[in-house]
C-alpha atoms as a PDB file:
ATOM      1  CA  MET A   1     -63.301  18.145   0.560  1.00  0.00           C
ATOM      2  CA  ASN A   2     -61.239  18.778  -2.564  1.00  0.00           C
ATOM      3  CA  ILE A   3     -57.518  18.526  -1.849  1.00  0.00           C
ATOM      4  CA  ALA A   4     -54.610  19.420  -4.132  1.00  0.00           C
ATOM      5  CA  ALA A   5     -50.836  19.053  -3.823  1.00  0.00           C
ATOM      6  CA  VAL A   6     -48.242  20.784  -5.964  1.00  0.00           C
ATOM      7  CA  GLN A   7     -45.083  18.972  -7.083  1.00  0.00           C
ATOM      8  CA  THR A   8     -42.479  21.285  -8.545  1.00  0.00           C
ATOM      9  CA  ALA A   9     -38.713  21.745  -8.880  1.00  0.00           C
ATOM     10  CA  PRO A  10     -37.922  25.210  -7.495  1.00  0.00           C
ATOM     11  CA  ILE A  11     -35.079  27.243  -8.938  1.00  0.00           C
ATOM     12  CA  HIS A  12     -32.385  27.732  -6.320  1.00  0.00           C
ATOM     13  CA  GLY A  13     -32.574  31.369  -5.230  1.00  0.00           C
ATOM     14  CA  GLY A  14     -35.192  32.243  -7.850  1.00  0.00           C
ATOM     15  CA  ILE A  15     -38.124  33.612  -5.854  1.00  0.00           C
ATOM     16  CA  GLU A  16     -39.842  35.332  -8.770  1.00  0.00           C
ATOM     17  CA  GLU A  17     -39.358  32.347 -11.075  1.00  0.00           C
ATOM     18  CA  ASN A  18     -40.710  30.024  -8.400  1.00  0.00           C
ATOM     19  CA  ILE A  19     -43.778  32.189  -7.894  1.00  0.00           C
ATOM     20  CA  GLU A  20     -44.411  32.210 -11.633  1.00  0.00           C
ATOM     21  CA  ARG A  21     -44.038  28.430 -11.833  1.00  0.00           C
ATOM     22  CA  ILE A  22     -46.467  27.792  -8.989  1.00  0.00           C
ATOM     23  CA  ALA A  23     -48.934  30.251 -10.501  1.00  0.00           C
ATOM     24  CA  SER A  24     -48.686  28.470 -13.858  1.00  0.00           C
ATOM     25  CA  LEU A  25     -49.031  24.976 -12.407  1.00  0.00           C
ATOM     26  CA  THR A  26     -52.034  25.888 -10.283  1.00  0.00           C
ATOM     27  CA  GLU A  27     -53.860  27.971 -12.870  1.00  0.00           C
ATOM     28  CA  GLY A  28     -57.443  26.785 -12.931  1.00  0.00           C
ATOM     29  CA  VAL A  29     -57.014  24.539  -9.889  1.00  0.00           C
ATOM     30  CA  ARG A  30     -59.936  24.802  -7.507  1.00  0.00           C
ATOM     31  CA  ALA A  31     -59.604  23.112  -4.147  1.00  0.00           C
ATOM     32  CA  ASP A  32     -60.495  23.537  -0.494  1.00  0.00           C
ATOM     33  CA  LEU A  33     -56.867  22.867   0.477  1.00  0.00           C
ATOM     34  CA  LEU A  34     -53.725  23.338  -1.615  1.00  0.00           C
ATOM     35  CA  VAL A  35     -50.342  22.162  -0.291  1.00  0.00           C
ATOM     36  CA  ILE A  36     -47.061  23.407  -1.805  1.00  0.00           C
ATOM     37  CA  PRO A  37     -43.607  21.881  -1.052  1.00  0.00           C
ATOM     38  CA  GLU A  38     -41.064  22.835   1.587  1.00  0.00           C
ATOM     39  CA  LEU A  39     -38.898  25.906   0.859  1.00  0.00           C
ATOM     40  CA  ALA A  40     -40.818  26.448  -2.371  1.00  0.00           C
ATOM     41  CA  SER A  41     -39.841  30.118  -2.368  1.00  0.00           C
ATOM     42  CA  THR A  42     -36.060  29.693  -2.482  1.00  0.00           C
ATOM     43  CA  GLY A  43     -35.103  26.120  -3.240  1.00  0.00           C
ATOM     44  CA  TYR A  44     -33.631  23.843  -0.607  1.00  0.00           C
ATOM     45  CA  PHE A  45     -29.891  23.308  -0.449  1.00  0.00           C
ATOM     46  CA  PHE A  46     -28.144  26.032   1.529  1.00  0.00           C
ATOM     47  CA  THR A  47     -25.142  25.427   3.766  1.00  0.00           C
ATOM     48  CA  GLU A  48     -24.427  29.001   4.895  1.00  0.00           C
ATOM     49  CA  ARG A  49     -26.786  31.442   6.566  1.00  0.00           C
ATOM     50  CA  SER A  50     -25.359  34.326   4.550  1.00  0.00           C
ATOM     51  CA  ALA A  51     -26.422  32.672   1.285  1.00  0.00           C
ATOM     52  CA  LEU A  52     -30.050  32.417   2.413  1.00  0.00           C
ATOM     53  CA  ALA A  53     -30.435  35.546   4.539  1.00  0.00           C
ATOM     54  CA  GLY A  54     -31.082  37.807   1.556  1.00  0.00           C
ATOM     55  CA  LEU A  55     -33.765  35.463   0.229  1.00  0.00           C
ATOM     56  CA  ALA A  56     -35.625  34.721   3.469  1.00  0.00           C
ATOM     57  CA  GLU A  57     -38.679  36.851   4.227  1.00  0.00           C
ATOM     58  CA  SER A  58     -41.172  37.754   6.891  1.00  0.00           C
ATOM     59  CA  PRO A  59     -44.648  36.251   6.546  1.00  0.00           C
ATOM     60  CA  GLU A  60     -46.188  39.709   6.932  1.00  0.00           C
ATOM     61  CA  ASP A  61     -44.653  41.399   3.916  1.00  0.00           C
ATOM     62  CA  GLY A  62     -42.443  38.954   2.027  1.00  0.00           C
ATOM     63  CA  ARG A  63     -43.009  38.656  -1.724  1.00  0.00           C
ATOM     64  CA  PHE A  64     -43.682  34.919  -1.703  1.00  0.00           C
ATOM     65  CA  CYS A  65     -45.912  35.048   1.365  1.00  0.00           C
ATOM     66  CA  ARG A  66     -47.978  37.877  -0.115  1.00  0.00           C
ATOM     67  CA  PHE A  67     -48.442  35.741  -3.222  1.00  0.00           C
ATOM     68  CA  ILE A  68     -49.592  32.743  -1.170  1.00  0.00           C
ATOM     69  CA  ARG A  69     -51.989  34.853   0.901  1.00  0.00           C
ATOM     70  CA  SER A  70     -53.475  36.442  -2.223  1.00  0.00           C
ATOM     71  CA  MET A  71     -53.949  32.985  -3.752  1.00  0.00           C
ATOM     72  CA  ALA A  72     -55.831  31.836  -0.653  1.00  0.00           C
ATOM     73  CA  VAL A  73     -58.113  34.865  -0.659  1.00  0.00           C
ATOM     74  CA  GLY A  74     -58.577  35.059  -4.419  1.00  0.00           C
ATOM     75  CA  ARG A  75     -59.407  31.382  -4.885  1.00  0.00           C
ATOM     76  CA  GLY A  76     -61.196  30.784  -1.608  1.00  0.00           C
ATOM     77  CA  MET A  77     -58.953  27.955  -0.446  1.00  0.00           C
ATOM     78  CA  VAL A  78     -56.565  27.196   2.380  1.00  0.00           C
ATOM     79  CA  VAL A  79     -52.984  27.241   1.077  1.00  0.00           C
ATOM     80  CA  VAL A  80     -50.064  25.703   2.985  1.00  0.00           C
ATOM     81  CA  ALA A  81     -46.667  26.525   1.482  1.00  0.00           C
ATOM     82  CA  GLY A  82     -43.069  26.109   2.595  1.00  0.00           C
ATOM     83  CA  PHE A  83     -40.812  29.167   2.698  1.00  0.00           C
ATOM     84  CA  ALA A  84     -37.616  30.476   4.311  1.00  0.00           C
ATOM     85  CA  GLU A  85     -38.706  32.706   7.191  1.00  0.00           C
ATOM     86  CA  LEU A  86     -36.727  35.664   8.483  1.00  0.00           C
ATOM     87  CA  ALA A  87     -37.598  36.549  12.089  1.00  0.00           C
ATOM     88  CA  GLY A  88     -35.303  39.230  13.375  1.00  0.00           C
ATOM     89  CA  GLU A  89     -31.852  37.749  12.897  1.00  0.00           C
ATOM     90  CA  LYS A  90     -33.120  34.173  12.949  1.00  0.00           C
ATOM     91  CA  LEU A  91     -33.923  31.918   9.994  1.00  0.00           C
ATOM     92  CA  TYR A  92     -36.587  29.227  10.137  1.00  0.00           C
ATOM     93  CA  ASN A  93     -37.667  26.515   7.721  1.00  0.00           C
ATOM     94  CA  SER A  94     -41.359  27.369   7.869  1.00  0.00           C
ATOM     95  CA  ALA A  95     -44.762  26.844   6.335  1.00  0.00           C
ATOM     96  CA  LEU A  96     -47.293  29.597   5.842  1.00  0.00           C
ATOM     97  CA  ILE A  97     -50.882  28.542   6.467  1.00  0.00           C
ATOM     98  CA  ALA A  98     -53.034  31.087   4.618  1.00  0.00           C
ATOM     99  CA  LEU A  99     -56.830  31.160   4.972  1.00  0.00           C
ATOM    100  CA  PRO A 100     -59.413  32.580   2.551  1.00  0.00           C
ATOM    101  CA  ASP A 101     -60.427  35.327   4.998  1.00  0.00           C
ATOM    102  CA  GLY A 102     -56.929  36.808   4.886  1.00  0.00           C
ATOM    103  CA  SER A 103     -55.784  35.429   8.237  1.00  0.00           C
ATOM    104  CA  TRP A 104     -52.671  33.309   8.440  1.00  0.00           C
ATOM    105  CA  SER A 105     -50.301  31.488  10.758  1.00  0.00           C
ATOM    106  CA  VAL A 106     -46.821  29.971  10.558  1.00  0.00           C
ATOM    107  CA  TYR A 107     -45.476  26.557  11.468  1.00  0.00           C
ATOM    108  CA  ARG A 108     -41.713  26.331  12.036  1.00  0.00           C
ATOM    109  CA  LYS A 109     -40.105  22.958  11.292  1.00  0.00           C
ATOM    110  CA  ALA A 110     -39.421  21.131  14.527  1.00  0.00           C
ATOM    111  CA  HIS A 111     -36.926  18.543  13.296  1.00  0.00           C
ATOM    112  CA  LEU A 112     -34.099  19.876  11.134  1.00  0.00           C
ATOM    113  CA  PHE A 113     -32.552  17.511   8.594  1.00  0.00           C
ATOM    114  CA  TYR A 114     -28.885  17.213   7.675  1.00  0.00           C
ATOM    115  CA  LYS A 115     -27.225  20.548   6.770  1.00  0.00           C
ATOM    116  CA  GLU A 116     -30.387  22.512   7.567  1.00  0.00           C
ATOM    117  CA  LYS A 117     -28.794  22.603  11.027  1.00  0.00           C
ATOM    118  CA  LEU A 118     -26.085  24.895   9.647  1.00  0.00           C
ATOM    119  CA  VAL A 119     -28.635  27.459   8.519  1.00  0.00           C
ATOM    120  CA  PHE A 120     -31.912  27.311  10.436  1.00  0.00           C
ATOM    121  CA  GLU A 121     -33.018  27.598  14.032  1.00  0.00           C
ATOM    122  CA  PRO A 122     -34.998  24.625  15.360  1.00  0.00           C
ATOM    123  CA  GLY A 123     -38.680  25.442  15.095  1.00  0.00           C
ATOM    124  CA  ASP A 124     -40.388  26.804  18.205  1.00  0.00           C
ATOM    125  CA  SER A 125     -44.012  27.085  17.043  1.00  0.00           C
ATOM    126  CA  GLY A 126     -45.190  23.698  18.268  1.00  0.00           C
ATOM    127  CA  PHE A 127     -47.782  21.666  16.389  1.00  0.00           C
ATOM    128  CA  GLY A 128     -50.951  23.695  15.903  1.00  0.00           C
ATOM    129  CA  VAL A 129     -54.235  23.252  14.071  1.00  0.00           C
ATOM    130  CA  VAL A 130     -56.329  25.807  12.151  1.00  0.00           C
ATOM    131  CA  GLU A 131     -59.985  25.444  11.283  1.00  0.00           C
ATOM    132  CA  TRP A 132     -61.762  26.548   8.129  1.00  0.00           C
ATOM    133  CA  ASN A 133     -65.330  25.668   7.121  1.00  0.00           C
ATOM    134  CA  GLY A 134     -65.483  23.116   9.909  1.00  0.00           C
ATOM    135  CA  VAL A 135     -62.321  21.275   8.805  1.00  0.00           C
ATOM    136  CA  ARG A 136     -59.278  21.181  11.065  1.00  0.00           C
ATOM    137  CA  ILE A 137     -55.880  21.295   9.353  1.00  0.00           C
ATOM    138  CA  GLY A 138     -52.485  20.656  10.939  1.00  0.00           C
ATOM    139  CA  THR A 139     -49.042  21.118   9.418  1.00  0.00           C
ATOM    140  CA  MET A 140     -45.689  19.382   9.656  1.00  0.00           C
ATOM    141  CA  ILE A 141     -42.674  19.682   7.336  1.00  0.00           C
ATOM    142  CA  CYS A 142     -40.616  16.977   5.614  1.00  0.00           C
ATOM    143  CA  TYR A 143     -38.296  15.263   8.165  1.00  0.00           C
ATOM    144  CA  ASP A 144     -41.015  15.596  10.819  1.00  0.00           C
ATOM    145  CA  TRP A 145     -42.375  12.414   9.180  1.00  0.00           C
ATOM    146  CA  ARG A 146     -39.695  10.370  10.939  1.00  0.00           C
ATOM    147  CA  PHE A 147     -41.174  11.251  14.325  1.00  0.00           C
ATOM    148  CA  PRO A 148     -44.536   9.640  15.123  1.00  0.00           C
ATOM    149  CA  GLU A 149     -44.990  12.231  17.860  1.00  0.00           C
ATOM    150  CA  ALA A 150     -45.413  14.979  15.263  1.00  0.00           C
ATOM    151  CA  ALA A 151     -48.422  13.458  13.505  1.00  0.00           C
ATOM    152  CA  ARG A 152     -49.822  12.213  16.818  1.00  0.00           C
ATOM    153  CA  ALA A 153     -49.572  15.674  18.389  1.00  0.00           C
ATOM    154  CA  LEU A 154     -51.501  17.138  15.456  1.00  0.00           C
ATOM    155  CA  ALA A 155     -54.113  14.394  15.604  1.00  0.00           C
ATOM    156  CA  LEU A 156     -54.558  14.856  19.360  1.00  0.00           C
ATOM    157  CA  ALA A 157     -54.986  18.575  18.714  1.00  0.00           C
ATOM    158  CA  GLY A 158     -57.930  17.671  16.501  1.00  0.00           C
ATOM    159  CA  ALA A 159     -56.462  17.667  12.993  1.00  0.00           C
ATOM    160  CA  ASP A 160     -58.618  16.006  10.343  1.00  0.00           C
ATOM    161  CA  VAL A 161     -55.996  16.654   7.665  1.00  0.00           C
ATOM    162  CA  ILE A 162     -52.213  16.988   7.956  1.00  0.00           C
ATOM    163  CA  ALA A 163     -50.520  19.140   5.331  1.00  0.00           C
ATOM    164  CA  HIS A 164     -46.953  17.939   4.791  1.00  0.00           C
ATOM    165  CA  PRO A 165     -44.801  20.244   2.603  1.00  0.00           C
ATOM    166  CA  SER A 166     -41.623  18.311   1.825  1.00  0.00           C
ATOM    167  CA  ASN A 167     -38.266  18.161   0.051  1.00  0.00           C
ATOM    168  CA  LEU A 168     -37.715  14.459   0.585  1.00  0.00           C
ATOM    169  CA  VAL A 169     -34.508  12.800  -0.587  1.00  0.00           C
ATOM    170  CA  ALA A 170     -35.362   9.408   0.919  1.00  0.00           C
ATOM    171  CA  ALA A 171     -36.774   6.843  -1.484  1.00  0.00           C
ATOM    172  CA  ALA A 172     -40.539   6.900  -1.738  1.00  0.00           C
ATOM    173  CA  SER A 173     -40.450   3.173  -0.997  1.00  0.00           C
ATOM    174  CA  LEU A 174     -39.355   4.201   2.510  1.00  0.00           C
ATOM    175  CA  TRP A 175     -41.384   7.286   3.338  1.00  0.00           C
ATOM    176  CA  GLY A 176     -44.494   6.335   1.353  1.00  0.00           C
ATOM    177  CA  PRO A 177     -45.456   3.325   3.497  1.00  0.00           C
ATOM    178  CA  THR A 178     -44.549   5.296   6.616  1.00  0.00           C
ATOM    179  CA  MET A 179     -46.971   8.071   5.712  1.00  0.00           C
ATOM    180  CA  ARG A 180     -49.680   5.462   5.161  1.00  0.00           C
ATOM    181  CA  THR A 181     -48.924   4.236   8.668  1.00  0.00           C
ATOM    182  CA  ARG A 182     -49.109   7.778  10.078  1.00  0.00           C
ATOM    183  CA  ALA A 183     -52.528   8.160   8.447  1.00  0.00           C
ATOM    184  CA  LEU A 184     -53.749   4.807   9.766  1.00  0.00           C
ATOM    185  CA  GLU A 185     -52.432   5.080  13.316  1.00  0.00           C
ATOM    186  CA  ASN A 186     -54.024   8.525  13.730  1.00  0.00           C
ATOM    187  CA  LYS A 187     -56.993   8.118  11.389  1.00  0.00           C
ATOM    188  CA  VAL A 188     -56.189  11.360   9.546  1.00  0.00           C
ATOM    189  CA  ILE A 189     -55.812  12.414   5.913  1.00  0.00           C
ATOM    190  CA  ILE A 190     -52.204  13.246   4.975  1.00  0.00           C
ATOM    191  CA  VAL A 191     -51.145  15.414   2.041  1.00  0.00           C
ATOM    192  CA  THR A 192     -47.434  15.141   1.192  1.00  0.00           C
ATOM    193  CA  ALA A 193     -46.417  17.759  -1.380  1.00  0.00           C
ATOM    194  CA  ASN A 194     -42.872  16.740  -2.271  1.00  0.00           C
ATOM    195  CA  ARG A 195     -40.547  18.456  -4.719  1.00  0.00           C
ATOM    196  CA  CYS A 196     -38.697  16.836  -7.599  1.00  0.00           C
ATOM    197  CA  GLY A 197     -35.455  17.695  -9.390  1.00  0.00           C
ATOM    198  CA  ALA A 198     -31.975  18.140  -7.900  1.00  0.00           C
ATOM    199  CA  GLU A 199     -29.705  20.800  -6.416  1.00  0.00           C
ATOM    200  CA  GLU A 200     -25.929  20.878  -6.106  1.00  0.00           C
ATOM    201  CA  ILE A 201     -23.668  22.976  -3.909  1.00  0.00           C
ATOM    202  CA  GLY A 202     -19.978  22.598  -3.118  1.00  0.00           C
ATOM    203  CA  GLY A 203     -19.759  19.470  -5.231  1.00  0.00           C
ATOM    204  CA  GLU A 204     -22.541  17.743  -3.307  1.00  0.00           C
ATOM    205  CA  LYS A 205     -25.774  16.894  -5.104  1.00  0.00           C
ATOM    206  CA  LEU A 206     -29.171  16.240  -3.547  1.00  0.00           C
ATOM    207  CA  SER A 207     -31.828  14.518  -5.647  1.00  0.00           C
ATOM    208  CA  PHE A 208     -35.451  14.850  -4.558  1.00  0.00           C
ATOM    209  CA  THR A 209     -37.792  11.925  -4.984  1.00  0.00           C
ATOM    210  CA  GLY A 210     -41.139  13.467  -5.947  1.00  0.00           C
ATOM    211  CA  GLU A 211     -44.054  11.010  -5.821  1.00  0.00           C
ATOM    212  CA  SER A 212     -46.264  13.460  -3.921  1.00  0.00           C
ATOM    213  CA  ARG A 213     -49.378  11.788  -2.596  1.00  0.00           C
ATOM    214  CA  ILE A 214     -52.695  12.252  -0.868  1.00  0.00           C
ATOM    215  CA  ILE A 215     -53.540   9.487   1.605  1.00  0.00           C
ATOM    216  CA  SER A 216     -56.951   8.791   3.133  1.00  0.00           C
ATOM    217  CA  HIS A 217     -57.597   8.270   6.832  1.00  0.00           C
ATOM    218  CA  ASN A 218     -57.708   4.490   6.274  1.00  0.00           C
ATOM    219  CA  SER A 219     -54.227   4.618   4.620  1.00  0.00           C
ATOM    220  CA  THR A 220     -55.471   4.278   1.034  1.00  0.00           C
ATOM    221  CA  PRO A 221     -53.508   6.386  -1.518  1.00  0.00           C
ATOM    222  CA  LEU A 222     -56.033   8.648  -3.253  1.00  0.00           C
ATOM    223  CA  ALA A 223     -53.655  10.363  -5.685  1.00  0.00           C
ATOM    224  CA  MET A 224     -49.964  10.121  -6.500  1.00  0.00           C
ATOM    225  CA  ALA A 225     -47.477  11.911  -8.764  1.00  0.00           C
ATOM    226  CA  GLY A 226     -44.529  10.405 -10.582  1.00  0.00           C
ATOM    227  CA  PRO A 227     -40.927  10.873  -9.387  1.00  0.00           C
ATOM    228  CA  ASP A 228     -39.852  13.556 -11.855  1.00  0.00           C
ATOM    229  CA  GLU A 229     -42.880  15.495 -13.111  1.00  0.00           C
ATOM    230  CA  GLU A 230     -43.948  18.997 -12.179  1.00  0.00           C
ATOM    231  CA  THR A 231     -47.669  18.654 -11.663  1.00  0.00           C
ATOM    232  CA  VAL A 232     -50.669  19.115  -9.388  1.00  0.00           C
ATOM    233  CA  ILE A 233     -52.468  16.080  -7.997  1.00  0.00           C
ATOM    234  CA  THR A 234     -56.017  16.256  -6.669  1.00  0.00           C
ATOM    235  CA  ALA A 235     -58.398  14.031  -4.716  1.00  0.00           C
ATOM    236  CA  GLU A 236     -61.621  14.139  -2.782  1.00  0.00           C
ATOM    237  CA  ALA A 237     -61.669  13.043   0.858  1.00  0.00           C
ATOM    238  CA  ASP A 238     -64.092  13.238   3.763  1.00  0.00           C
ATOM    239  CA  PRO A 239     -62.449  15.007   6.709  1.00  0.00           C
ATOM    240  CA  LEU A 240     -65.376  14.316   9.043  1.00  0.00           C
ATOM    241  CA  ALA A 241     -64.817  10.569   8.632  1.00  0.00           C
ATOM    242  CA  THR A 242     -61.559  10.999  10.545  1.00  0.00           C
ATOM    243  CA  ARG A 243     -63.229  12.013  13.781  1.00  0.00           C
ATOM    244  CA  ASN A 244     -64.647   8.694  14.927  1.00  0.00           C
ATOM    245  CA  LYS A 245     -61.526   6.950  16.177  1.00  0.00           C
ATOM    246  CA  ALA A 246     -63.323   3.697  17.035  1.00  0.00           C
ATOM    247  CA  PHE A 247     -63.041   0.629  14.819  1.00  0.00           C
ATOM    248  CA  ASN A 248     -65.337  -1.706  16.761  1.00  0.00           C
ATOM    249  CA  ALA A 249     -67.687  -1.546  19.744  1.00  0.00           C
ATOM    250  CA  TYR A 250     -64.806  -1.931  22.201  1.00  0.00           C
ATOM    251  CA  ASN A 251     -61.797  -0.191  20.700  1.00  0.00           C
ATOM    252  CA  ASP A 252     -61.003   3.443  19.991  1.00  0.00           C
ATOM    253  CA  ILE A 253     -57.433   4.313  19.025  1.00  0.00           C
ATOM    254  CA  PHE A 254     -57.462   7.487  21.115  1.00  0.00           C
ATOM    255  CA  ALA A 255     -59.681   6.395  24.025  1.00  0.00           C
ATOM    256  CA  ASP A 256     -57.544   3.249  24.409  1.00  0.00           C
ATOM    257  CA  ARG A 257     -54.324   5.225  24.822  1.00  0.00           C
ATOM    258  CA  ARG A 258     -52.419   4.769  28.106  1.00  0.00           C
ATOM    259  CA  PRO A 259     -50.326   7.956  28.254  1.00  0.00           C
ATOM    260  CA  GLU A 260     -49.448   7.347  31.916  1.00  0.00           C
ATOM    261  CA  LEU A 261     -47.393   4.369  30.711  1.00  0.00           C
ATOM    262  CA  TYR A 262     -45.666   6.149  27.819  1.00  0.00           C
ATOM    263  CA  ARG A 263     -43.425   8.470  29.813  1.00  0.00           C
ATOM    264  CA  ALA A 264     -39.699   7.898  29.627  1.00  0.00           C
END
């Protein structure tokens, strides 16, 4: 399986510019799965719903979502991209999962970070998996990484690969090893597409840490970007190798689970 992750610095509020930048960065990229960062349509730092409401869009007919769906169909690849979703009067920090046959689904971020809570509704989609060409792909967004239940729920649902669109501000020395652990403890491939650059609002500045990476099911980094560059990283991985959860004749990380003992 050929996997690609985009690392870019979206322009705050610049949907058309952000589409053009993604199109330019990914020109000529051929992959089975392409992951694009969180809120790649609008930029990240919003503290008032009114400032984002005019930029958020429905996945059915929004400009950014139509672009992502056309990319998936035109290039024959699954594309997972973060966007600001408008659903009635509600706003969600969401990811569009677009398939090459034109079908699509949406994941809504379960765990809201910092001032996202002033703008977005907590996600209500749950952790789902889609399948394309025999490969099962799950999605979580950014701060979901702090919760082992998120990756575990996707793995238990059958995910071979977890797409992880992100706008991480934590140091990569913190989240990088954690994502390797998530890959190892679930025996899944994880694709973190993080943004770079910075945004400032109301005198407060957020700096994003880049270093997007693709991690194998045995926790080995397969590809990694630098902290500041806009780029696309690629790697090959075997999604079917994730399905045997045993590591010796007696132990299987899923069969050995004791969920009856895990309840609060």
